[in-house]
N, C-alpha and C. Protein backbone atom coordinates (compact mmCIF):
# COMPACT_ATOMS: atom_id res chain seq x y z
N MET A 1 38.94 -18.58 -0.51
CA MET A 1 38.06 -18.37 0.99
C MET A 1 37.51 -16.93 1.39
N ALA A 2 36.26 -17.26 1.70
CA ALA A 2 35.72 -16.23 2.38
C ALA A 2 36.60 -15.58 3.59
N ASP A 3 36.11 -14.15 3.83
CA ASP A 3 36.90 -13.61 4.60
C ASP A 3 36.11 -13.91 6.00
N LEU A 4 34.87 -13.97 6.26
CA LEU A 4 33.99 -14.24 7.18
C LEU A 4 33.89 -15.82 7.57
N VAL A 5 34.18 -15.92 8.83
CA VAL A 5 34.38 -17.47 9.45
C VAL A 5 33.53 -17.64 10.43
N LEU A 6 32.48 -18.77 10.27
CA LEU A 6 31.75 -19.17 11.26
C LEU A 6 32.13 -20.56 11.71
N ASN A 7 32.09 -20.95 12.61
CA ASN A 7 32.42 -22.21 13.36
C ASN A 7 31.21 -22.90 13.66
N ALA A 8 31.24 -24.33 13.17
CA ALA A 8 29.97 -25.23 13.46
C ALA A 8 30.38 -26.57 13.79
N ASN A 9 29.40 -27.33 14.19
CA ASN A 9 29.69 -28.74 14.47
C ASN A 9 28.79 -29.58 13.61
N ASN A 10 29.08 -30.59 13.38
CA ASN A 10 27.99 -31.90 12.99
C ASN A 10 27.12 -31.98 14.19
N ARG A 11 25.47 -32.06 13.57
CA ARG A 11 24.62 -32.20 14.56
C ARG A 11 24.07 -33.88 14.20
N GLU A 12 23.91 -34.59 15.19
CA GLU A 12 23.79 -35.93 14.93
C GLU A 12 22.09 -35.93 15.27
N PHE A 13 21.68 -35.28 15.92
CA PHE A 13 20.15 -35.56 16.19
C PHE A 13 19.42 -34.36 15.52
N THR A 14 18.23 -34.78 15.17
CA THR A 14 17.41 -34.02 14.46
C THR A 14 15.62 -33.79 15.01
N GLY A 15 15.47 -35.06 16.14
CA GLY A 15 14.15 -34.63 16.69
C GLY A 15 13.98 -33.40 17.54
N LYS A 16 12.35 -33.11 17.54
CA LYS A 16 12.32 -31.97 17.93
C LYS A 16 12.65 -31.73 19.58
N ASN A 17 12.67 -32.70 20.49
CA ASN A 17 13.18 -32.63 21.69
C ASN A 17 14.57 -32.16 21.75
N LYS A 18 15.31 -32.82 20.68
CA LYS A 18 16.88 -32.65 20.57
C LYS A 18 17.16 -31.30 20.21
N VAL A 19 16.29 -30.76 19.12
CA VAL A 19 16.62 -29.49 18.69
C VAL A 19 16.35 -28.28 20.04
N ASN A 20 15.23 -28.57 20.62
CA ASN A 20 14.82 -27.67 21.76
C ASN A 20 15.88 -27.86 23.01
N LYS A 21 16.56 -28.58 22.93
CA LYS A 21 17.65 -28.73 24.12
C LYS A 21 18.73 -28.02 23.59
N LEU A 22 19.15 -27.94 22.37
CA LEU A 22 20.23 -27.42 21.64
C LEU A 22 19.99 -25.78 21.87
N ARG A 23 18.71 -25.26 21.75
CA ARG A 23 18.45 -23.89 21.64
C ARG A 23 18.42 -23.33 23.16
N ALA A 24 18.14 -24.55 24.10
CA ALA A 24 18.15 -23.86 25.50
C ALA A 24 19.79 -23.55 25.86
N GLU A 25 20.63 -24.60 25.20
CA GLU A 25 22.17 -24.24 25.47
C GLU A 25 22.62 -23.13 24.37
N GLU A 26 21.64 -22.50 23.96
CA GLU A 26 22.06 -21.27 23.37
C GLU A 26 23.15 -21.62 21.86
N LEU A 27 22.35 -23.00 21.37
CA LEU A 27 22.89 -23.42 20.15
C LEU A 27 21.93 -23.27 19.02
N VAL A 28 22.17 -22.96 17.55
CA VAL A 28 21.31 -22.79 16.58
C VAL A 28 21.38 -24.20 16.04
N PRO A 29 20.13 -24.97 15.57
CA PRO A 29 20.32 -25.91 14.93
C PRO A 29 20.27 -25.64 13.13
N GLY A 30 21.05 -26.22 12.36
CA GLY A 30 21.26 -25.76 10.87
C GLY A 30 21.08 -26.87 9.97
N VAL A 31 20.83 -26.40 8.82
CA VAL A 31 21.02 -27.35 7.66
C VAL A 31 21.93 -26.89 6.37
N VAL A 32 23.06 -27.21 5.90
CA VAL A 32 23.64 -26.93 4.75
C VAL A 32 23.13 -27.74 3.73
N TYR A 33 22.71 -26.99 2.70
CA TYR A 33 22.11 -27.62 1.47
C TYR A 33 23.44 -27.53 0.20
N ALA A 34 23.44 -28.42 -0.59
CA ALA A 34 24.23 -28.65 -1.64
C ALA A 34 23.92 -29.33 -2.74
N LYS A 35 23.92 -28.64 -3.93
CA LYS A 35 23.52 -29.41 -5.30
C LYS A 35 24.41 -30.71 -5.31
N GLY A 36 23.50 -31.86 -5.48
CA GLY A 36 23.95 -33.04 -5.74
C GLY A 36 24.61 -33.75 -4.56
N GLU A 37 24.38 -33.41 -3.54
CA GLU A 37 25.22 -33.86 -2.11
C GLU A 37 23.94 -34.03 -1.13
N ASP A 38 24.01 -34.85 -0.24
CA ASP A 38 23.04 -35.32 0.86
C ASP A 38 23.22 -33.79 1.79
N ASN A 39 22.08 -33.46 2.43
CA ASN A 39 22.02 -32.38 3.34
C ASN A 39 23.05 -32.55 4.57
N LEU A 40 23.62 -31.85 4.99
CA LEU A 40 24.49 -31.76 6.29
C LEU A 40 24.06 -30.90 7.31
N ASN A 41 23.62 -31.77 8.47
CA ASN A 41 23.04 -31.00 9.64
C ASN A 41 24.11 -30.65 10.45
N VAL A 42 24.03 -29.26 11.25
CA VAL A 42 25.31 -28.72 11.81
C VAL A 42 24.58 -28.02 12.92
N GLN A 43 25.19 -27.50 13.98
CA GLN A 43 24.94 -26.62 14.79
C GLN A 43 25.75 -25.36 14.92
N VAL A 44 25.44 -24.27 15.39
CA VAL A 44 26.32 -23.12 15.21
C VAL A 44 25.96 -22.54 16.94
N THR A 45 26.74 -21.88 17.45
CA THR A 45 26.40 -20.94 18.79
C THR A 45 25.68 -19.68 18.44
N SER A 46 24.68 -19.37 18.90
CA SER A 46 23.92 -18.42 18.81
C SER A 46 24.43 -16.71 18.61
N ARG A 47 25.58 -16.66 19.65
CA ARG A 47 26.25 -15.65 19.71
C ARG A 47 27.09 -15.58 18.44
N ASP A 48 27.80 -16.43 17.98
CA ASP A 48 28.70 -16.32 16.97
C ASP A 48 27.80 -16.06 15.55
N PHE A 49 26.57 -17.07 15.51
CA PHE A 49 25.78 -16.50 14.10
C PHE A 49 25.25 -15.29 14.43
N ASP A 50 24.75 -14.87 15.13
CA ASP A 50 24.44 -13.24 15.12
C ASP A 50 25.36 -12.44 14.92
N LYS A 51 26.56 -12.36 15.08
CA LYS A 51 27.81 -11.45 14.54
C LYS A 51 27.86 -11.68 13.17
N ILE A 52 28.01 -12.84 12.76
CA ILE A 52 28.35 -13.19 11.42
C ILE A 52 26.98 -12.68 10.57
N LEU A 53 25.84 -12.80 11.04
CA LEU A 53 24.56 -12.37 10.27
C LEU A 53 24.67 -10.88 10.00
N ARG A 54 25.02 -10.28 11.29
CA ARG A 54 24.98 -8.68 11.22
C ARG A 54 26.05 -8.02 10.38
N LYS A 55 27.17 -8.70 9.87
CA LYS A 55 27.99 -8.36 9.01
C LYS A 55 27.75 -8.81 7.61
N ALA A 56 27.19 -10.21 7.56
CA ALA A 56 27.05 -10.67 6.29
C ALA A 56 25.77 -10.63 5.50
N GLY A 57 24.85 -10.47 6.22
CA GLY A 57 23.56 -10.35 5.99
C GLY A 57 23.23 -11.89 5.42
N THR A 58 22.34 -11.76 4.02
CA THR A 58 21.97 -13.06 3.05
C THR A 58 22.69 -12.69 1.62
N SER A 59 23.60 -12.01 1.70
CA SER A 59 24.01 -11.84 0.45
C SER A 59 25.65 -11.81 0.35
N THR A 60 26.11 -11.93 1.31
CA THR A 60 27.49 -11.93 1.37
C THR A 60 28.10 -13.56 1.82
N ILE A 61 28.88 -14.26 1.08
CA ILE A 61 29.56 -15.59 1.11
C ILE A 61 30.32 -15.32 2.47
N ILE A 62 30.27 -16.43 3.14
CA ILE A 62 31.08 -16.55 4.39
C ILE A 62 31.52 -18.03 4.24
N SER A 63 32.60 -18.37 5.18
CA SER A 63 33.14 -19.74 5.19
C SER A 63 32.77 -20.36 6.58
N LEU A 64 32.24 -21.45 6.24
CA LEU A 64 31.34 -22.31 7.37
C LEU A 64 32.58 -23.55 7.65
N ASP A 65 32.97 -23.29 8.84
CA ASP A 65 33.95 -24.49 9.23
C ASP A 65 33.28 -25.56 9.97
N VAL A 66 33.15 -26.50 9.36
CA VAL A 66 32.19 -27.66 10.27
C VAL A 66 33.43 -28.71 10.77
N ASP A 67 33.64 -28.71 11.90
CA ASP A 67 34.69 -29.45 12.52
C ASP A 67 36.04 -29.70 11.74
N GLY A 68 36.51 -28.44 11.24
CA GLY A 68 37.80 -28.34 10.76
C GLY A 68 37.61 -28.49 9.14
N GLU A 69 36.43 -28.37 8.67
CA GLU A 69 36.03 -28.97 7.13
C GLU A 69 35.62 -27.56 6.67
N SER A 70 36.25 -26.75 5.54
CA SER A 70 35.72 -25.41 5.32
C SER A 70 34.73 -25.36 4.01
N LYS A 71 33.68 -24.90 4.19
CA LYS A 71 32.86 -24.70 2.90
C LYS A 71 32.23 -23.29 2.76
N ASP A 72 32.34 -22.90 1.62
CA ASP A 72 31.65 -21.45 1.23
C ASP A 72 30.20 -21.64 0.93
N VAL A 73 29.54 -20.82 1.97
CA VAL A 73 28.36 -20.92 1.84
C VAL A 73 27.51 -19.26 2.07
N LEU A 74 26.23 -19.30 1.55
CA LEU A 74 25.28 -18.19 2.24
C LEU A 74 24.53 -18.61 3.23
N ILE A 75 24.17 -17.25 3.98
CA ILE A 75 22.76 -17.74 4.93
C ILE A 75 21.47 -17.77 4.16
N LYS A 76 21.31 -18.66 3.74
CA LYS A 76 19.71 -18.63 2.61
C LYS A 76 18.67 -18.24 3.49
N ASP A 77 18.37 -18.64 4.58
CA ASP A 77 17.45 -18.32 5.56
C ASP A 77 17.57 -18.69 6.97
N TYR A 78 16.92 -17.91 7.91
CA TYR A 78 16.98 -18.12 9.17
C TYR A 78 15.56 -17.83 9.93
N GLN A 79 15.43 -18.56 11.02
CA GLN A 79 13.99 -18.31 11.89
C GLN A 79 14.32 -17.81 13.07
N THR A 80 13.56 -17.01 13.43
CA THR A 80 13.65 -16.37 14.88
C THR A 80 12.19 -16.57 15.65
N HIS A 81 12.46 -16.77 17.04
CA HIS A 81 11.49 -16.94 18.03
C HIS A 81 10.34 -15.62 17.59
N PRO A 82 9.11 -15.82 17.92
CA PRO A 82 7.98 -14.70 17.44
C PRO A 82 7.98 -13.68 18.73
N TYR A 83 8.51 -13.99 19.75
CA TYR A 83 8.87 -13.02 20.68
C TYR A 83 10.01 -13.05 21.75
N LYS A 84 10.70 -14.16 21.54
CA LYS A 84 11.94 -14.23 22.52
C LYS A 84 13.20 -13.91 21.29
N ASN A 85 14.12 -13.26 22.01
CA ASN A 85 15.58 -12.95 21.24
C ASN A 85 16.20 -14.31 21.10
N GLN A 86 15.73 -14.87 20.12
CA GLN A 86 16.37 -16.45 19.97
C GLN A 86 15.99 -16.90 18.59
N PHE A 87 17.33 -17.28 17.83
CA PHE A 87 17.42 -17.85 16.57
C PHE A 87 16.85 -19.54 16.70
N LEU A 88 15.91 -19.79 15.85
CA LEU A 88 15.31 -21.14 15.99
C LEU A 88 15.92 -22.06 15.06
N HIS A 89 16.46 -21.39 13.87
CA HIS A 89 16.96 -22.69 12.53
C HIS A 89 17.69 -21.43 11.59
N VAL A 90 18.64 -22.25 10.83
CA VAL A 90 19.27 -21.57 9.92
C VAL A 90 19.41 -22.63 8.73
N ASP A 91 19.44 -21.92 7.60
CA ASP A 91 19.66 -22.63 6.38
C ASP A 91 20.81 -22.09 5.86
N PHE A 92 21.84 -22.83 5.27
CA PHE A 92 23.21 -22.50 4.44
C PHE A 92 23.01 -23.04 3.27
N GLN A 93 23.31 -22.44 2.36
CA GLN A 93 23.25 -22.96 0.83
C GLN A 93 24.81 -23.04 0.43
N ALA A 94 25.40 -24.02 0.37
CA ALA A 94 26.72 -24.39 -0.22
C ALA A 94 27.02 -23.85 -1.51
N ILE A 95 28.08 -23.23 -1.67
CA ILE A 95 28.40 -22.41 -2.98
C ILE A 95 29.36 -23.15 -4.00
N ASN A 96 28.86 -23.23 -5.21
CA ASN A 96 30.05 -23.69 -6.32
C ASN A 96 30.48 -22.39 -7.05
N GLN A 97 31.63 -22.14 -6.84
CA GLN A 97 32.14 -20.70 -7.58
C GLN A 97 31.85 -20.71 -9.06
N ASN A 98 31.59 -22.13 -9.74
CA ASN A 98 31.56 -21.79 -11.03
C ASN A 98 30.12 -21.98 -11.70
N GLU A 99 29.16 -21.93 -10.77
CA GLU A 99 27.93 -21.78 -11.26
C GLU A 99 27.31 -20.71 -10.50
N ALA A 100 25.96 -19.98 -11.39
CA ALA A 100 25.40 -19.18 -11.08
C ALA A 100 24.74 -19.36 -9.88
N ILE A 101 24.18 -18.33 -9.07
CA ILE A 101 23.37 -18.44 -7.94
C ILE A 101 22.22 -17.34 -7.96
N ARG A 102 21.12 -17.58 -7.59
CA ARG A 102 20.26 -16.48 -7.23
C ARG A 102 20.49 -15.73 -5.85
N VAL A 103 20.52 -14.56 -5.42
CA VAL A 103 20.72 -13.97 -4.41
C VAL A 103 19.68 -12.77 -4.14
N ASN A 104 19.20 -12.45 -2.89
CA ASN A 104 18.34 -11.19 -2.81
C ASN A 104 19.11 -10.46 -2.32
N VAL A 105 19.32 -9.20 -2.67
CA VAL A 105 20.19 -8.23 -2.45
C VAL A 105 19.66 -7.05 -2.17
N PRO A 106 19.96 -6.17 -0.55
CA PRO A 106 19.02 -5.22 -0.11
C PRO A 106 19.32 -3.88 -1.17
N VAL A 107 18.21 -3.13 -1.38
CA VAL A 107 18.31 -1.98 -1.93
C VAL A 107 18.44 -0.84 -0.84
N VAL A 108 19.71 0.02 -1.53
CA VAL A 108 20.11 1.05 -0.51
C VAL A 108 19.54 2.53 -1.35
N LEU A 109 18.98 3.30 -0.77
CA LEU A 109 18.57 4.77 -1.16
C LEU A 109 19.85 5.70 -0.83
N LEU A 110 20.82 6.29 -1.60
CA LEU A 110 21.77 7.05 -1.38
C LEU A 110 21.16 8.42 -1.09
N GLY A 111 21.51 9.19 -0.26
CA GLY A 111 21.41 10.75 0.00
C GLY A 111 19.69 10.70 0.44
N ARG A 112 19.34 9.65 1.03
CA ARG A 112 18.10 9.79 1.65
C ARG A 112 17.98 10.72 2.87
N GLU A 113 19.21 10.79 3.69
CA GLU A 113 19.01 11.58 5.03
C GLU A 113 19.15 13.14 4.59
N ASP A 114 19.78 13.26 3.37
CA ASP A 114 19.80 14.60 2.80
C ASP A 114 18.53 15.37 2.40
N LEU A 115 17.49 14.51 2.25
CA LEU A 115 16.26 15.13 1.36
C LEU A 115 15.52 16.01 2.02
N ASN A 116 15.13 17.18 1.42
CA ASN A 116 14.16 17.93 2.18
C ASN A 116 12.91 17.66 2.05
N ILE A 117 12.15 16.87 2.93
CA ILE A 117 10.75 16.19 2.34
C ILE A 117 9.71 16.93 3.53
N GLU A 118 9.65 18.10 3.82
CA GLU A 118 8.85 18.63 4.65
C GLU A 118 7.41 18.57 4.02
N SER A 119 7.23 19.07 2.63
CA SER A 119 6.09 18.86 1.95
C SER A 119 5.80 17.72 0.88
N ALA A 120 6.83 16.62 1.21
CA ALA A 120 6.73 15.52 0.64
C ALA A 120 7.03 14.34 1.07
N VAL A 121 6.37 13.20 0.61
CA VAL A 121 6.79 11.82 1.31
C VAL A 121 7.54 10.61 0.33
N LEU A 122 8.55 10.38 1.03
CA LEU A 122 9.37 9.44 0.03
C LEU A 122 8.91 8.03 0.40
N VAL A 123 8.13 7.33 -0.98
CA VAL A 123 7.57 6.21 -0.69
C VAL A 123 8.57 4.97 -1.07
N GLN A 124 9.24 4.09 -0.43
CA GLN A 124 10.09 3.00 -1.34
C GLN A 124 9.35 1.79 -1.24
N ASN A 125 9.13 1.25 -2.65
CA ASN A 125 8.38 0.12 -2.87
C ASN A 125 8.98 -1.34 -3.00
N MET A 126 10.42 -0.88 -3.06
CA MET A 126 11.16 -2.23 -2.87
C MET A 126 12.32 -2.29 -2.09
N ASP A 127 12.69 -2.96 -1.08
CA ASP A 127 13.69 -2.91 -0.06
C ASP A 127 14.85 -3.93 -0.51
N SER A 128 14.43 -4.60 -1.61
CA SER A 128 15.32 -5.85 -2.02
C SER A 128 15.17 -6.34 -3.46
N VAL A 129 15.90 -6.70 -4.23
CA VAL A 129 16.12 -7.17 -5.32
C VAL A 129 16.64 -8.54 -5.48
N ASP A 130 16.19 -9.35 -6.30
CA ASP A 130 16.78 -10.76 -6.75
C ASP A 130 17.62 -10.68 -7.92
N VAL A 131 18.87 -11.26 -7.74
CA VAL A 131 19.67 -11.09 -8.85
C VAL A 131 20.30 -12.61 -9.26
N GLU A 132 21.13 -12.69 -10.40
CA GLU A 132 21.66 -14.00 -10.44
C GLU A 132 22.82 -13.48 -11.07
N CYS A 133 24.26 -14.36 -10.63
CA CYS A 133 25.47 -14.02 -11.19
C CYS A 133 25.97 -15.22 -10.23
N LEU A 134 27.53 -15.43 -11.14
CA LEU A 134 28.54 -16.50 -10.15
C LEU A 134 28.93 -15.54 -9.10
N PRO A 135 29.11 -16.44 -8.08
CA PRO A 135 29.30 -16.13 -6.48
C PRO A 135 30.37 -14.81 -6.49
N LYS A 136 31.37 -14.87 -7.49
CA LYS A 136 32.15 -13.87 -7.31
C LYS A 136 31.95 -12.45 -7.75
N TYR A 137 30.89 -12.28 -8.37
CA TYR A 137 30.16 -11.27 -8.62
C TYR A 137 29.02 -10.88 -8.06
N ILE A 138 28.49 -11.46 -6.69
CA ILE A 138 27.50 -11.33 -5.88
C ILE A 138 27.87 -9.80 -5.19
N PRO A 139 26.69 -8.73 -5.49
CA PRO A 139 26.96 -7.57 -5.14
C PRO A 139 26.53 -7.35 -3.46
N GLN A 140 26.91 -6.65 -2.53
CA GLN A 140 26.47 -6.41 -1.17
C GLN A 140 25.10 -5.83 -0.95
N THR A 141 24.93 -4.95 -1.99
CA THR A 141 23.96 -4.05 -1.97
C THR A 141 23.75 -3.51 -3.59
N ALA A 142 22.45 -2.91 -3.69
CA ALA A 142 22.01 -2.58 -5.03
C ALA A 142 21.58 -1.03 -4.83
N GLU A 143 22.25 0.08 -5.27
CA GLU A 143 22.14 1.06 -4.66
C GLU A 143 21.46 2.00 -5.93
N VAL A 144 20.69 3.14 -5.40
CA VAL A 144 20.25 4.05 -6.27
C VAL A 144 20.27 5.75 -5.67
N ASP A 145 20.84 6.57 -6.24
CA ASP A 145 20.94 7.80 -6.00
C ASP A 145 19.86 8.55 -6.13
N ILE A 146 19.26 9.22 -4.81
CA ILE A 146 17.95 9.88 -4.78
C ILE A 146 18.18 11.45 -4.32
N THR A 147 19.40 12.01 -4.32
CA THR A 147 19.45 13.10 -3.69
C THR A 147 19.11 14.21 -4.48
N GLU A 148 19.01 14.14 -6.07
CA GLU A 148 18.10 15.25 -6.72
C GLU A 148 16.87 14.77 -7.06
N ILE A 149 15.99 13.83 -6.50
CA ILE A 149 14.70 13.56 -6.91
C ILE A 149 13.86 14.65 -6.50
N GLU A 150 12.83 14.87 -7.25
CA GLU A 150 12.06 15.97 -6.93
C GLU A 150 10.26 15.17 -6.90
N ILE A 151 9.62 16.08 -6.38
CA ILE A 151 8.24 15.83 -6.36
C ILE A 151 7.51 15.22 -7.67
N GLY A 152 7.11 13.74 -7.53
CA GLY A 152 6.61 13.52 -8.85
C GLY A 152 7.43 12.59 -9.40
N ASP A 153 8.90 12.48 -8.99
CA ASP A 153 9.76 11.62 -9.56
C ASP A 153 9.57 10.08 -9.09
N ALA A 154 10.22 9.10 -9.85
CA ALA A 154 10.43 7.71 -9.41
C ALA A 154 11.64 7.45 -9.91
N LYS A 155 12.10 6.31 -9.03
CA LYS A 155 13.27 5.77 -9.29
C LYS A 155 12.90 4.19 -9.90
N THR A 156 13.65 3.89 -10.63
CA THR A 156 13.31 2.50 -11.19
C THR A 156 14.19 1.42 -11.01
N ILE A 157 14.24 0.22 -11.48
CA ILE A 157 15.37 -0.77 -11.45
C ILE A 157 16.50 -0.49 -12.62
N ALA A 158 16.17 0.52 -13.53
CA ALA A 158 17.01 0.80 -14.41
C ALA A 158 18.03 2.20 -13.89
N ASP A 159 17.57 2.55 -12.65
CA ASP A 159 18.49 3.40 -12.10
C ASP A 159 19.38 2.88 -11.01
N LEU A 160 19.34 1.66 -10.45
CA LEU A 160 20.22 0.86 -9.82
C LEU A 160 21.60 1.01 -10.21
N ASP A 161 22.54 1.09 -9.38
CA ASP A 161 24.15 1.19 -9.88
C ASP A 161 24.57 -0.22 -10.50
N ILE A 162 23.69 -1.47 -10.19
CA ILE A 162 24.15 -2.85 -10.95
C ILE A 162 23.34 -2.81 -12.30
N PHE A 163 22.54 -1.89 -12.62
CA PHE A 163 21.85 -2.22 -13.89
C PHE A 163 22.99 -1.95 -14.86
N GLY A 164 23.05 -2.88 -16.17
CA GLY A 164 23.56 -2.80 -16.81
C GLY A 164 24.90 -3.62 -16.92
N ASN A 165 25.18 -3.86 -15.57
CA ASN A 165 26.31 -5.00 -15.10
C ASN A 165 26.08 -6.45 -16.09
N GLU A 166 27.20 -6.40 -16.98
CA GLU A 166 27.10 -7.67 -17.91
C GLU A 166 27.35 -8.87 -16.86
N ASN A 167 27.85 -8.87 -15.96
CA ASN A 167 28.02 -10.29 -14.88
C ASN A 167 26.88 -10.23 -14.00
N ILE A 168 25.94 -9.26 -14.13
CA ILE A 168 24.66 -9.65 -12.98
C ILE A 168 23.52 -9.65 -13.78
N THR A 169 22.49 -10.63 -13.80
CA THR A 169 21.08 -10.36 -14.03
C THR A 169 20.34 -9.91 -13.07
N ILE A 170 19.49 -9.00 -13.16
CA ILE A 170 18.49 -8.50 -12.04
C ILE A 170 17.12 -9.27 -12.60
N LEU A 171 16.78 -9.50 -11.59
CA LEU A 171 15.43 -10.59 -12.05
C LEU A 171 14.13 -9.60 -11.73
N ALA A 172 14.18 -8.63 -12.24
CA ALA A 172 12.90 -7.56 -12.56
C ALA A 172 12.92 -6.80 -13.73
N GLU A 173 11.72 -6.41 -13.81
CA GLU A 173 11.62 -5.58 -15.04
C GLU A 173 12.43 -4.05 -14.70
N GLU A 174 12.92 -3.50 -15.67
CA GLU A 174 13.99 -2.20 -15.55
C GLU A 174 12.84 -1.11 -15.41
N ASP A 175 11.69 -1.15 -15.79
CA ASP A 175 10.72 -0.15 -15.41
C ASP A 175 10.11 -0.30 -14.18
N GLU A 176 10.20 -1.19 -13.31
CA GLU A 176 9.61 -1.43 -11.90
C GLU A 176 10.09 -0.44 -10.85
N VAL A 177 8.93 0.21 -10.03
CA VAL A 177 9.47 1.23 -9.65
C VAL A 177 10.03 0.94 -8.41
N ILE A 178 11.16 1.42 -7.78
CA ILE A 178 12.10 1.28 -6.60
C ILE A 178 11.47 2.06 -5.38
N CYS A 179 11.35 3.63 -5.77
CA CYS A 179 10.77 4.57 -4.85
C CYS A 179 10.30 5.65 -5.47
N SER A 180 9.29 6.43 -5.07
CA SER A 180 8.80 7.74 -5.43
C SER A 180 8.78 8.93 -4.40
N LEU A 181 8.65 10.32 -4.78
CA LEU A 181 8.60 11.31 -3.82
C LEU A 181 7.04 11.97 -4.38
N GLN A 182 6.48 11.81 -3.58
CA GLN A 182 5.10 12.15 -3.67
C GLN A 182 4.76 13.57 -2.80
N GLU A 183 3.81 14.21 -3.19
CA GLU A 183 3.43 15.64 -2.40
C GLU A 183 2.59 15.04 -1.19
N ALA A 184 2.87 15.80 -0.14
CA ALA A 184 2.21 15.41 1.19
C ALA A 184 0.95 15.87 1.07
N THR A 185 0.03 15.22 1.60
CA THR A 185 -1.39 15.63 1.71
C THR A 185 -2.05 15.81 3.18
N GLU A 186 -2.72 16.68 3.41
CA GLU A 186 -3.31 16.38 4.77
C GLU A 186 -4.72 15.51 4.59
N GLU A 187 -4.69 14.62 5.87
CA GLU A 187 -5.73 13.76 6.06
C GLU A 187 -6.73 14.62 6.56
N GLU A 188 -8.07 14.21 6.00
CA GLU A 188 -9.31 15.14 6.57
C GLU A 188 -9.91 14.16 7.85
N LEU A 189 -10.28 14.74 8.94
CA LEU A 189 -10.84 13.67 10.03
C LEU A 189 -12.07 13.28 8.94
N PRO A 190 -12.60 12.23 9.51
CA PRO A 190 -14.01 11.69 9.51
C PRO A 190 -15.18 12.41 9.61
N GLU A 191 -16.03 12.46 9.29
CA GLU A 191 -17.03 13.36 9.20
C GLU A 191 -17.46 13.29 10.91
N GLU A 192 -17.63 11.96 11.37
CA GLU A 192 -18.38 12.08 12.92
C GLU A 192 -17.18 12.65 13.67
N ASP A 193 -15.96 12.53 13.30
CA ASP A 193 -14.98 13.17 14.39
C ASP A 193 -15.24 14.61 14.56
N GLU A 194 -15.17 15.17 13.07
CA GLU A 194 -15.41 16.66 12.93
C GLU A 194 -16.84 17.14 13.63
N GLU A 195 -17.73 16.38 13.53
CA GLU A 195 -18.90 16.92 14.51
C GLU A 195 -18.79 16.89 15.89
N ALA A 196 -17.94 15.55 16.42
CA ALA A 196 -17.86 15.45 17.56
C ALA A 196 -16.84 16.77 18.39
N ALA A 197 -16.05 17.10 17.43
CA ALA A 197 -15.04 18.13 17.79
C ALA A 197 -15.81 19.63 17.86
N ASP A 198 -17.00 19.66 17.55
CA ASP A 198 -17.62 21.25 17.56
C ASP A 198 -18.50 20.87 18.43
N VAL A 199 -18.70 19.87 19.49
CA VAL A 199 -19.80 19.86 20.55
C VAL A 199 -18.89 20.71 21.71
N ASP A 200 -19.58 21.83 21.98
CA ASP A 200 -19.34 22.62 23.43
C ASP A 200 -19.24 21.57 24.75
N ALA A 201 -18.15 21.58 25.59
CA ALA A 201 -18.11 20.99 26.59
C ALA A 201 -19.31 21.23 27.51
N ALA A 202 -19.71 22.40 27.43
CA ALA A 202 -21.20 22.80 28.31
C ALA A 202 -22.29 21.99 27.91
N ASP A 203 -22.32 21.46 26.64
CA ASP A 203 -23.36 20.90 26.08
C ASP A 203 -23.64 19.38 26.75
N VAL A 204 -22.53 18.92 27.27
CA VAL A 204 -22.33 17.54 27.55
C VAL A 204 -22.99 17.29 28.96
N PRO A 205 -24.10 16.47 29.15
CA PRO A 205 -24.91 16.53 30.45
C PRO A 205 -23.97 15.87 31.44
N THR A 206 -23.85 16.21 32.66
CA THR A 206 -23.30 15.69 33.73
C THR A 206 -24.03 14.34 34.12
N VAL A 207 -23.18 13.75 35.26
CA VAL A 207 -23.89 12.36 35.66
C VAL A 207 -25.21 12.69 36.55
N GLU A 208 -25.16 13.80 36.97
CA GLU A 208 -26.19 14.22 38.00
C GLU A 208 -27.53 14.60 37.03
N GLU A 209 -27.27 15.10 36.10
CA GLU A 209 -28.21 15.71 35.16
C GLU A 209 -28.78 14.49 34.45
N THR A 210 -28.08 13.53 34.00
CA THR A 210 -28.47 12.24 33.23
C THR A 210 -29.23 11.32 34.31
N GLU A 211 -28.89 11.44 35.57
CA GLU A 211 -30.01 10.58 36.44
C GLU A 211 -31.03 11.25 36.79
N GLY A 212 -31.12 12.48 36.90
CA GLY A 212 -32.34 13.34 37.33
C GLY A 212 -33.38 13.16 36.08
N GLU A 213 -32.77 13.14 34.78
CA GLU A 213 -33.78 12.99 33.61
C GLU A 213 -34.21 11.64 33.57
N GLU A 214 -33.58 10.78 34.13
CA GLU A 214 -33.90 9.21 34.26
C GLU A 214 -34.90 8.99 35.14
N ALA A 215 -35.09 9.71 36.26
CA ALA A 215 -35.46 9.77 37.53
C ALA A 215 -37.21 10.39 37.01
N GLU A 216 -37.07 11.29 36.24
CA GLU A 216 -38.38 12.16 35.62
C GLU A 216 -39.06 11.18 34.86
N ASP A 217 -38.52 10.43 34.00
CA ASP A 217 -39.01 9.48 33.09
C ASP A 217 -39.57 8.57 33.75
N ALA A 218 -38.96 8.02 34.80
CA ALA A 218 -39.63 6.67 35.32
C ALA A 218 -40.77 7.13 36.20
N GLU A 219 -41.00 8.66 36.52
CA GLU A 219 -42.12 9.01 37.42
C GLU A 219 -43.30 9.07 36.18
């Protein structure tokens, strides 16, 4: 049984008006998907879901307690309102402990805070990676140590701590770049901006001067 538990209830209604009413009551409509089984409509409280999501993310198995019946699930996907602090929907994937599953795992760069990058820029190309494994082998993160990275160096999939783990299949090429340290370069101003910067304030005509010139032209 998973350590993290999220309480849920069966959801009878699926229409737009019904789910909007749930959201107004700070409930999040959701669906549990399970291979070979009918989808199960559920609802969870927004507060409880937010707490679990912060701890589990989308790569940690949680126990979903639906009206007293427990299911091991992953938070497969969720939707939020574009500008309100509100969860709109959540998809749970039921887990079979004896079947391999595909999971998106966050990539963590170890030693990032200790880098001296005054004259360099750290470019991160990947912030997550897909892996496939049995549920019990799902890693919470995929880490790569960058404490000794130098300008011009790159870290690839082969540098991940989970690379070579016989229980985990990384669904990416081993030479795919995760991050690199590049020399910083000063961006040149566009030509028109440089010319504008050279104009002396005294050369800019005042409103009165402009009006006077227009009057002369009119005469």
